């Protein structure tokens, strides 16, 4: 015959098991909902990146010195910003 403590432990275990199953099911449902959205976003981002790279290649082909100068100035600005942020207390 099971004691009251055993019954309480069994009930708590069943409750925990149910909560785990419900959480897993909810997470799976949300993941299923997010999958198409993430795929669509990645596809759109890939398209934008490819367009940007094509423009950069065209600009470099037309005037390489200008593209390299703009790139160097941009890199220097980025390094200055990172250095400033790193020095903050």
PDB file of N, CA and C in Angstrom:
ATOM      1  N   UNK A   1       0.841  -1.177   0.000  1.00  0.00           N
ATOM      2  CA  UNK A   1       0.000   0.000   0.000  1.00  0.00           C
ATOM      3  C   UNK A   1       0.887   1.242   0.000  1.00  0.00           C
ATOM      4  N   UNK A   2       0.572   2.183  -0.862  1.00  0.00           N
ATOM      5  CA  UNK A   2       1.370   3.395  -0.994  1.00  0.00           C
ATOM      6  C   UNK A   2       1.027   4.368   0.118  1.00  0.00           C
ATOM      7  N   UNK A   3       2.063   5.012   0.626  1.00  0.00           N
ATOM      8  CA  UNK A   3       1.869   5.993   1.692  1.00  0.00           C
ATOM      9  C   UNK A   3       1.455   7.327   1.086  1.00  0.00           C
ATOM     10  N   UNK A   4       1.065   8.267   1.956  1.00  0.00           N
ATOM     11  CA  UNK A   4       0.694   9.608   1.486  1.00  0.00           C
ATOM     12  C   UNK A   4       1.877  10.296   0.816  1.00  0.00           C
ATOM     13  N   UNK A   5       3.078  10.068   1.338  1.00  0.00           N
ATOM     14  CA  UNK A   5       4.280  10.670   0.745  1.00  0.00           C
ATOM     15  C   UNK A   5       4.502  10.133  -0.658  1.00  0.00           C
ATOM     16  N   UNK A   6       4.343   8.823  -0.832  1.00  0.00           N
ATOM     17  CA  UNK A   6       4.511   8.239  -2.162  1.00  0.00           C
ATOM     18  C   UNK A   6       3.494   8.804  -3.138  1.00  0.00           C
ATOM     19  N   UNK A   7       2.252   8.956  -2.680  1.00  0.00           N
ATOM     20  CA  UNK A   7       1.206   9.512  -3.539  1.00  0.00           C
ATOM     21  C   UNK A   7       1.515  10.956  -3.920  1.00  0.00           C
ATOM     22  N   UNK A   8       2.028  11.711  -2.957  1.00  0.00           N
ATOM     23  CA  UNK A   8       2.375  13.115  -3.229  1.00  0.00           C
ATOM     24  C   UNK A   8       3.514  13.194  -4.247  1.00  0.00           C
ATOM     25  N   UNK A   9       4.525  12.351  -4.064  1.00  0.00           N
ATOM     26  CA  UNK A   9       5.662  12.331  -4.986  1.00  0.00           C
ATOM     27  C   UNK A   9       5.205  11.904  -6.382  1.00  0.00           C
ATOM     28  N   UNK A  10       4.356  10.894  -6.456  1.00  0.00           N
ATOM     29  CA  UNK A  10       3.842  10.446  -7.754  1.00  0.00           C
ATOM     30  C   UNK A  10       3.049  11.553  -8.439  1.00  0.00           C
ATOM     31  N   UNK A  11       2.222  12.249  -7.651  1.00  0.00           N
ATOM     32  CA  UNK A  11       1.416  13.343  -8.206  1.00  0.00           C
ATOM     33  C   UNK A  11       2.326  14.472  -8.712  1.00  0.00           C
ATOM     34  N   UNK A  12       3.372  14.811  -7.926  1.00  0.00           N
ATOM     35  CA  UNK A  12       4.302  15.865  -8.337  1.00  0.00           C
ATOM     36  C   UNK A  12       5.061  15.444  -9.600  1.00  0.00           C
ATOM     37  N   UNK A  13       5.446  14.188  -9.669  1.00  0.00           N
ATOM     38  CA  UNK A  13       6.154  13.693 -10.848  1.00  0.00           C
ATOM     39  C   UNK A  13       5.257  13.738 -12.078  1.00  0.00           C
ATOM     40  N   UNK A  14       4.006  13.351 -11.908  1.00  0.00           N
ATOM     41  CA  UNK A  14       3.063  13.405 -13.028  1.00  0.00           C
ATOM     42  C   UNK A  14       2.846  14.844 -13.490  1.00  0.00           C
ATOM     43  N   UNK A  15       2.725  15.750 -12.531  1.00  0.00           N
ATOM     44  CA  UNK A  15       2.534  17.163 -12.862  1.00  0.00           C
ATOM     45  C   UNK A  15       3.743  17.706 -13.616  1.00  0.00           C
ATOM     46  N   UNK A  16       4.940  17.373 -13.134  1.00  0.00           N
ATOM     47  CA  UNK A  16       6.160  17.828 -13.800  1.00  0.00           C
ATOM     48  C   UNK A  16       6.268  17.239 -15.198  1.00  0.00           C
ATOM     49  N   UNK A  17       5.940  15.963 -15.330  1.00  0.00           N
ATOM     50  CA  UNK A  17       5.994  15.305 -16.637  1.00  0.00           C
ATOM     51  C   UNK A  17       5.010  15.970 -17.607  1.00  0.00           C
ATOM     52  N   UNK A  18       3.804  16.278 -17.124  1.00  0.00           N
ATOM     53  CA  UNK A  18       2.819  16.954 -17.972  1.00  0.00           C
ATOM     54  C   UNK A  18       3.311  18.339 -18.403  1.00  0.00           C
ATOM     55  N   UNK A  19       3.922  19.066 -17.464  1.00  0.00           N
ATOM     56  CA  UNK A  19       4.428  20.401 -17.778  1.00  0.00           C
ATOM     57  C   UNK A  19       5.537  20.323 -18.824  1.00  0.00           C
ATOM     58  N   UNK A  20       6.414  19.352 -18.687  1.00  0.00           N
ATOM     59  CA  UNK A  20       7.499  19.171 -19.657  1.00  0.00           C
ATOM     60  C   UNK A  20       6.930  18.861 -21.037  1.00  0.00           C
ATOM     61  N   UNK A  21       5.946  17.985 -21.088  1.00  0.00           N
ATOM     62  CA  UNK A  21       5.344  17.628 -22.376  1.00  0.00           C
ATOM     63  C   UNK A  21       4.647  18.819 -23.012  1.00  0.00           C
ATOM     64  N   UNK A  22       3.927  19.596 -22.211  1.00  0.00           N
ATOM     65  CA  UNK A  22       3.225  20.769 -22.745  1.00  0.00           C
ATOM     66  C   UNK A  22       4.221  21.804 -23.254  1.00  0.00           C
ATOM     67  N   UNK A  23       5.296  22.002 -22.503  1.00  0.00           N
ATOM     68  CA  UNK A  23       6.320  22.962 -22.919  1.00  0.00           C
ATOM     69  C   UNK A  23       6.977  22.521 -24.221  1.00  0.00           C
ATOM     70  N   UNK A  24       7.304  21.254 -24.309  1.00  0.00           N
ATOM     71  CA  UNK A  24       7.929  20.732 -25.529  1.00  0.00           C
ATOM     72  C   UNK A  24       6.989  20.883 -26.725  1.00  0.00           C
ATOM     73  N   UNK A  25       5.713  20.593 -26.520  1.00  0.00           N
ATOM     74  CA  UNK A  25       4.749  20.734 -27.617  1.00  0.00           C
ATOM     75  C   UNK A  25       4.602  22.193 -28.041  1.00  0.00           C
ATOM     76  N   UNK A  26       4.558  23.094 -27.066  1.00  0.00           N
ATOM     77  CA  UNK A  26       4.425  24.518 -27.386  1.00  0.00           C
ATOM     78  C   UNK A  26       5.661  25.012 -28.138  1.00  0.00           C
ATOM     79  N   UNK A  27       6.834  24.586 -27.704  1.00  0.00           N
ATOM     80  CA  UNK A  27       8.070  25.003 -28.381  1.00  0.00           C
ATOM     81  C   UNK A  27       8.103  24.472 -29.805  1.00  0.00           C
ATOM     82  N   UNK A  28       7.661  23.246 -29.996  1.00  0.00           N
ATOM     83  CA  UNK A  28       7.643  22.663 -31.343  1.00  0.00           C
ATOM     84  C   UNK A  28       6.682  23.428 -32.237  1.00  0.00           C
ATOM     85  N   UNK A  29       5.514  23.796 -31.700  1.00  0.00           N
ATOM     86  CA  UNK A  29       4.550  24.559 -32.482  1.00  0.00           C
ATOM     87  C   UNK A  29       5.123  25.920 -32.885  1.00  0.00           C
ATOM     88  N   UNK A  30       5.793  26.587 -31.953  1.00  0.00           N
ATOM     89  CA  UNK A  30       6.376  27.899 -32.267  1.00  0.00           C
ATOM     90  C   UNK A  30       7.498  27.752 -33.290  1.00  0.00           C
ATOM     91  N   UNK A  31       8.309  26.720 -33.149  1.00  0.00           N
ATOM     92  CA  UNK A  31       9.391  26.494 -34.107  1.00  0.00           C
ATOM     93  C   UNK A  31       8.821  26.227 -35.494  1.00  0.00           C
ATOM     94  N   UNK A  32       7.742  25.475 -35.555  1.00  0.00           N
ATOM     95  CA  UNK A  32       7.106  25.209 -36.846  1.00  0.00           C
ATOM     96  C   UNK A  32       6.567  26.494 -37.461  1.00  0.00           C
ATOM     97  N   UNK A  33       6.056  27.402 -36.607  1.00  0.00           N
ATOM     98  CA  UNK A  33       5.534  28.672 -37.097  1.00  0.00           C
ATOM     99  C   UNK A  33       6.661  29.589 -37.578  1.00  0.00           C
ATOM    100  N   UNK A  34       7.804  29.554 -36.902  1.00  0.00           N
ATOM    101  CA  UNK A  34       8.897  30.458 -37.235  1.00  0.00           C
ATOM    102  C   UNK A  34       9.714  30.004 -38.439  1.00  0.00           C
ATOM    103  N   UNK A  35       9.726  28.728 -38.719  1.00  0.00           N
ATOM    104  CA  UNK A  35      10.544  28.202 -39.800  1.00  0.00           C
ATOM    105  C   UNK A  35      10.352  28.909 -41.128  1.00  0.00           C
ATOM    106  N   UNK A  36       9.127  29.010 -41.634  1.00  0.00           N
ATOM    107  CA  UNK A  36       8.926  29.695 -42.925  1.00  0.00           C
ATOM    108  C   UNK A  36       9.315  31.169 -42.876  1.00  0.00           C
ATOM    109  N   UNK A  37       9.076  31.831 -41.752  1.00  0.00           N
ATOM    110  CA  UNK A  37       9.431  33.247 -41.629  1.00  0.00           C
ATOM    111  C   UNK A  37      10.938  33.438 -41.697  1.00  0.00           C
ATOM    112  N   UNK A  38      11.674  32.585 -40.999  1.00  0.00           N
ATOM    113  CA  UNK A  38      13.132  32.685 -41.007  1.00  0.00           C
ATOM    114  C   UNK A  38      13.670  32.401 -42.407  1.00  0.00           C
ATOM    115  N   UNK A  39      13.138  31.396 -43.056  1.00  0.00           N
ATOM    116  CA  UNK A  39      13.575  31.060 -44.412  1.00  0.00           C
ATOM    117  C   UNK A  39      13.315  32.218 -45.371  1.00  0.00           C
ATOM    118  N   UNK A  40      12.148  32.824 -45.266  1.00  0.00           N
ATOM    119  CA  UNK A  40      11.798  33.953 -46.124  1.00  0.00           C
ATOM    120  C   UNK A  40      12.727  35.138 -45.866  1.00  0.00           C
ATOM    121  N   UNK A  41      13.005  35.415 -44.595  1.00  0.00           N
ATOM    122  CA  UNK A  41      13.891  36.528 -44.244  1.00  0.00           C
ATOM    123  C   UNK A  41      15.303  36.291 -44.760  1.00  0.00           C
ATOM    124  N   UNK A  42      15.800  35.080 -44.612  1.00  0.00           N
ATOM    125  CA  UNK A  42      17.146  34.762 -45.100  1.00  0.00           C
ATOM    126  C   UNK A  42      17.211  34.884 -46.619  1.00  0.00           C
ATOM    127  N   UNK A  43      16.170  34.432 -47.307  1.00  0.00           N
ATOM    128  CA  UNK A  43      16.147  34.547 -48.772  1.00  0.00           C
ATOM    129  C   UNK A  43      16.168  36.007 -49.215  1.00  0.00           C
ATOM    130  N   UNK A  44      15.388  36.856 -48.524  1.00  0.00           N
ATOM    131  CA  UNK A  44      15.371  38.276 -48.868  1.00  0.00           C
ATOM    132  C   UNK A  44      16.716  38.922 -48.564  1.00  0.00           C
ATOM    133  N   UNK A  45      17.314  38.558 -47.437  1.00  0.00           N
ATOM    134  CA  UNK A  45      18.624  39.111 -47.088  1.00  0.00           C
ATOM    135  C   UNK A  45      19.678  38.683 -48.097  1.00  0.00           C
ATOM    136  N   UNK A  46      19.626  37.431 -48.513  1.00  0.00           N
ATOM    137  CA  UNK A  46      20.582  36.939 -49.515  1.00  0.00           C
ATOM    138  C   UNK A  46      20.456  37.742 -50.809  1.00  0.00           C
ATOM    139  N   UNK A  47      19.233  38.026 -51.208  1.00  0.00           N
ATOM    140  CA  UNK A  47      19.000  38.799 -52.420  1.00  0.00           C
ATOM    141  C   UNK A  47      19.574  40.214 -52.285  1.00  0.00           C
ATOM    142  N   UNK A  48      19.337  40.850 -51.133  1.00  0.00           N
ATOM    143  CA  UNK A  48      19.858  42.200 -50.915  1.00  0.00           C
ATOM    144  C   UNK A  48      21.386  42.211 -50.882  1.00  0.00           C
ATOM    145  N   UNK A  49      21.976  41.210 -50.247  1.00  0.00           N
ATOM    146  CA  UNK A  49      23.438  41.130 -50.185  1.00  0.00           C
ATOM    147  C   UNK A  49      24.025  40.937 -51.580  1.00  0.00           C
ATOM    148  N   UNK A  50      23.417  40.065 -52.357  1.00  0.00           N
ATOM    149  CA  UNK A  50      23.904  39.844 -53.723  1.00  0.00           C
ATOM    150  C   UNK A  50      23.800  41.109 -54.565  1.00  0.00           C
ATOM    151  N   UNK A  51      22.696  41.853 -54.406  1.00  0.00           N
ATOM    152  CA  UNK A  51      22.546  43.115 -55.129  1.00  0.00           C
ATOM    153  C   UNK A  51      23.624  44.111 -54.708  1.00  0.00           C
ATOM    154  N   UNK A  52      23.876  44.187 -53.399  1.00  0.00           N
ATOM    155  CA  UNK A  52      24.906  45.097 -52.905  1.00  0.00           C
ATOM    156  C   UNK A  52      26.286  44.732 -53.415  1.00  0.00           C
ATOM    157  N   UNK A  53      26.579  43.440 -53.427  1.00  0.00           N
ATOM    158  CA  UNK A  53      27.880  43.004 -53.947  1.00  0.00           C
ATOM    159  C   UNK A  53      28.020  43.301 -55.436  1.00  0.00           C
ATOM    160  N   UNK A  54      26.933  43.131 -56.178  1.00  0.00           N
ATOM    161  CA  UNK A  54      26.980  43.461 -57.605  1.00  0.00           C
ATOM    162  C   UNK A  54      27.268  44.949 -57.811  1.00  0.00           C
ATOM    163  N   UNK A  55      26.633  45.803 -57.009  1.00  0.00           N
ATOM    164  CA  UNK A  55      26.877  47.246 -57.108  1.00  0.00           C
ATOM    165  C   UNK A  55      28.325  47.572 -56.746  1.00  0.00           C
ATOM    166  N   UNK A  56      28.844  46.904 -55.713  1.00  0.00           N
ATOM    167  CA  UNK A  56      30.223  47.136 -55.305  1.00  0.00           C
ATOM    168  C   UNK A  56      31.194  46.698 -56.400  1.00  0.00           C
ATOM    169  N   UNK A  57      30.936  45.557 -57.005  1.00  0.00           N
ATOM    170  CA  UNK A  57      31.798  45.090 -58.093  1.00  0.00           C
ATOM    171  C   UNK A  57      31.782  46.059 -59.275  1.00  0.00           C
ATOM    172  N   UNK A  58      30.595  46.561 -59.593  1.00  0.00           N
ATOM    173  CA  UNK A  58      30.469  47.519 -60.687  1.00  0.00           C
ATOM    174  C   UNK A  58      31.221  48.805 -60.364  1.00  0.00           C
ATOM    175  N   UNK A  59      31.055  49.290 -59.128  1.00  0.00           N
ATOM    176  CA  UNK A  59      31.746  50.522 -58.724  1.00  0.00           C
ATOM    177  C   UNK A  59      33.256  50.320 -58.747  1.00  0.00           C
ATOM    178  N   UNK A  60      33.727  49.172 -58.292  1.00  0.00           N
ATOM    179  CA  UNK A  60      35.163  48.891 -58.299  1.00  0.00           C
ATOM    180  C   UNK A  60      35.695  48.807 -59.735  1.00  0.00           C
ATOM    181  N   UNK A  61      34.911  48.201 -60.596  1.00  0.00           N
ATOM    182  CA  UNK A  61      35.322  48.093 -62.001  1.00  0.00           C
ATOM    183  C   UNK A  61      35.416  49.480 -62.640  1.00  0.00           C
ATOM    184  N   UNK A  62      34.466  50.373 -62.284  1.00  0.00           N
ATOM    185  CA  UNK A  62      34.451  51.717 -62.865  1.00  0.00           C
ATOM    186  C   UNK A  62      35.567  52.596 -62.306  1.00  0.00           C
ATOM    187  N   UNK A  63      35.835  52.518 -60.978  1.00  0.00           N
ATOM    188  CA  UNK A  63      36.828  53.409 -60.363  1.00  0.00           C
ATOM    189  C   UNK A  63      37.396  52.736 -59.107  1.00  0.00           C
ATOM    190  N   UNK A  64      38.399  51.887 -59.263  1.00  0.00           N
ATOM    191  CA  UNK A  64      38.928  51.151 -58.115  1.00  0.00           C
ATOM    192  C   UNK A  64      39.530  52.032 -57.028  1.00  0.00           C
ATOM    193  N   UNK A  65      40.200  53.138 -57.414  1.00  0.00           N
ATOM    194  CA  UNK A  65      40.827  54.006 -56.413  1.00  0.00           C
ATOM    195  C   UNK A  65      39.777  54.607 -55.478  1.00  0.00           C
ATOM    196  N   UNK A  66      38.661  55.003 -56.041  1.00  0.00           N
ATOM    197  CA  UNK A  66      37.595  55.594 -55.224  1.00  0.00           C
ATOM    198  C   UNK A  66      37.044  54.576 -54.239  1.00  0.00           C
ATOM    199  N   UNK A  67      36.790  53.370 -54.706  1.00  0.00           N
ATOM    200  CA  UNK A  67      36.233  52.332 -53.835  1.00  0.00           C
ATOM    201  C   UNK A  67      37.212  51.998 -52.713  1.00  0.00           C
ATOM    202  N   UNK A  68      38.487  51.875 -53.042  1.00  0.00           N
ATOM    203  CA  UNK A  68      39.487  51.566 -52.019  1.00  0.00           C
ATOM    204  C   UNK A  68      39.637  52.710 -51.020  1.00  0.00           C
ATOM    205  N   UNK A  69      39.566  53.955 -51.495  1.00  0.00           N
ATOM    206  CA  UNK A  69      39.663  55.110 -50.595  1.00  0.00           C
ATOM    207  C   UNK A  69      38.472  55.153 -49.649  1.00  0.00           C
ATOM    208  N   UNK A  70      37.287  54.963 -50.170  1.00  0.00           N
ATOM    209  CA  UNK A  70      36.085  54.957 -49.320  1.00  0.00           C
ATOM    210  C   UNK A  70      36.153  53.806 -48.325  1.00  0.00           C
ATOM    211  N   UNK A  71      36.633  52.652 -48.768  1.00  0.00           N
ATOM    212  CA  UNK A  71      36.772  51.513 -47.862  1.00  0.00           C
ATOM    213  C   UNK A  71      37.765  51.781 -46.756  1.00  0.00           C
ATOM    214  N   UNK A  72      38.902  52.402 -47.092  1.00  0.00           N
ATOM    215  CA  UNK A  72      39.921  52.713 -46.080  1.00  0.00           C
ATOM    216  C   UNK A  72      39.414  53.735 -45.071  1.00  0.00           C
ATOM    217  N   UNK A  73      38.726  54.764 -45.549  1.00  0.00           N
ATOM    218  CA  UNK A  73      38.168  55.778 -44.641  1.00  0.00           C
ATOM    219  C   UNK A  73      37.096  55.153 -43.741  1.00  0.00           C
ATOM    220  N   UNK A  74      36.282  54.288 -44.302  1.00  0.00           N
ATOM    221  CA  UNK A  74      35.249  53.617 -43.500  1.00  0.00           C
ATOM    222  C   UNK A  74      35.874  52.719 -42.437  1.00  0.00           C
ATOM    223  N   UNK A  75      36.907  51.989 -42.814  1.00  0.00           N
ATOM    224  CA  UNK A  75      37.599  51.129 -41.851  1.00  0.00           C
ATOM    225  C   UNK A  75      38.240  51.951 -40.749  1.00  0.00           C
ATOM    226  N   UNK A  76      38.850  53.076 -41.099  1.00  0.00           N
ATOM    227  CA  UNK A  76      39.457  53.947 -40.090  1.00  0.00           C
ATOM    228  C   UNK A  76      38.393  54.480 -39.128  1.00  0.00           C
ATOM    229  N   UNK A  77      37.231  54.843 -39.665  1.00  0.00           N
ATOM    230  CA  UNK A  77      36.137  55.310 -38.811  1.00  0.00           C
ATOM    231  C   UNK A  77      35.645  54.227 -37.875  1.00  0.00           C
ATOM    232  N   UNK A  78      35.521  53.025 -38.383  1.00  0.00           N
ATOM    233  CA  UNK A  78      35.081  51.909 -37.549  1.00  0.00           C
ATOM    234  C   UNK A  78      36.087  51.624 -36.444  1.00  0.00           C
ATOM    235  N   UNK A  79      37.370  51.655 -36.787  1.00  0.00           N
ATOM    236  CA  UNK A  79      38.407  51.424 -35.777  1.00  0.00           C
ATOM    237  C   UNK A  79      38.373  52.534 -34.723  1.00  0.00           C
ATOM    238  N   UNK A  80      38.155  53.768 -35.140  1.00  0.00           N
ATOM    239  CA  UNK A  80      38.068  54.883 -34.181  1.00  0.00           C
ATOM    240  C   UNK A  80      36.885  54.708 -33.229  1.00  0.00           C
ATOM    241  N   UNK A  81      35.768  54.286 -33.753  1.00  0.00           N
ATOM    242  CA  UNK A  81      34.584  54.072 -32.910  1.00  0.00           C
ATOM    243  C   UNK A  81      34.848  52.940 -31.917  1.00  0.00           C
ATOM    244  N   UNK A  82      35.406  51.841 -32.404  1.00  0.00           N
ATOM    245  CA  UNK A  82      35.690  50.702 -31.513  1.00  0.00           C
ATOM    246  C   UNK A  82      36.716  51.073 -30.451  1.00  0.00           C
ATOM    247  N   UNK A  83      37.730  51.855 -30.831  1.00  0.00           N
ATOM    248  CA  UNK A  83      38.737  52.292 -29.868  1.00  0.00           C
ATOM    249  C   UNK A  83      38.113  53.173 -28.803  1.00  0.00           C
ATOM    250  N   UNK A  84      37.243  54.078 -29.221  1.00  0.00           N
ATOM    251  CA  UNK A  84      36.561  54.969 -28.277  1.00  0.00           C
ATOM    252  C   UNK A  84      35.695  54.153 -27.320  1.00  0.00           C
ATOM    253  N   UNK A  85      34.964  53.201 -27.833  1.00  0.00           N
ATOM    254  CA  UNK A  85      34.120  52.366 -26.968  1.00  0.00           C
ATOM    255  C   UNK A  85      34.947  51.518 -26.024  1.00  0.00           C
ATOM    256  N   UNK A  86      36.099  51.051 -26.477  1.00  0.00           N
ATOM    257  CA  UNK A  86      36.948  50.201 -25.639  1.00  0.00           C
ATOM    258  C   UNK A  86      37.573  51.007 -24.500  1.00  0.00           C
ATOM    259  N   UNK A  87      37.802  52.286 -24.695  1.00  0.00           N
ATOM    260  CA  UNK A  87      38.407  53.127 -23.662  1.00  0.00           C
ATOM    261  C   UNK A  87      37.427  53.561 -22.572  1.00  0.00           C
ATOM    262  N   UNK A  88      36.148  53.449 -22.851  1.00  0.00           N
ATOM    263  CA  UNK A  88      35.148  53.891 -21.869  1.00  0.00           C
ATOM    264  C   UNK A  88      35.251  53.075 -20.590  1.00  0.00           C
ATOM    265  N   UNK A  89      35.015  53.754 -19.486  1.00  0.00           N
ATOM    266  CA  UNK A  89      35.032  53.067 -18.177  1.00  0.00           C
ATOM    267  C   UNK A  89      33.655  52.619 -17.791  1.00  0.00           C
TER     268      UNK A  89
END
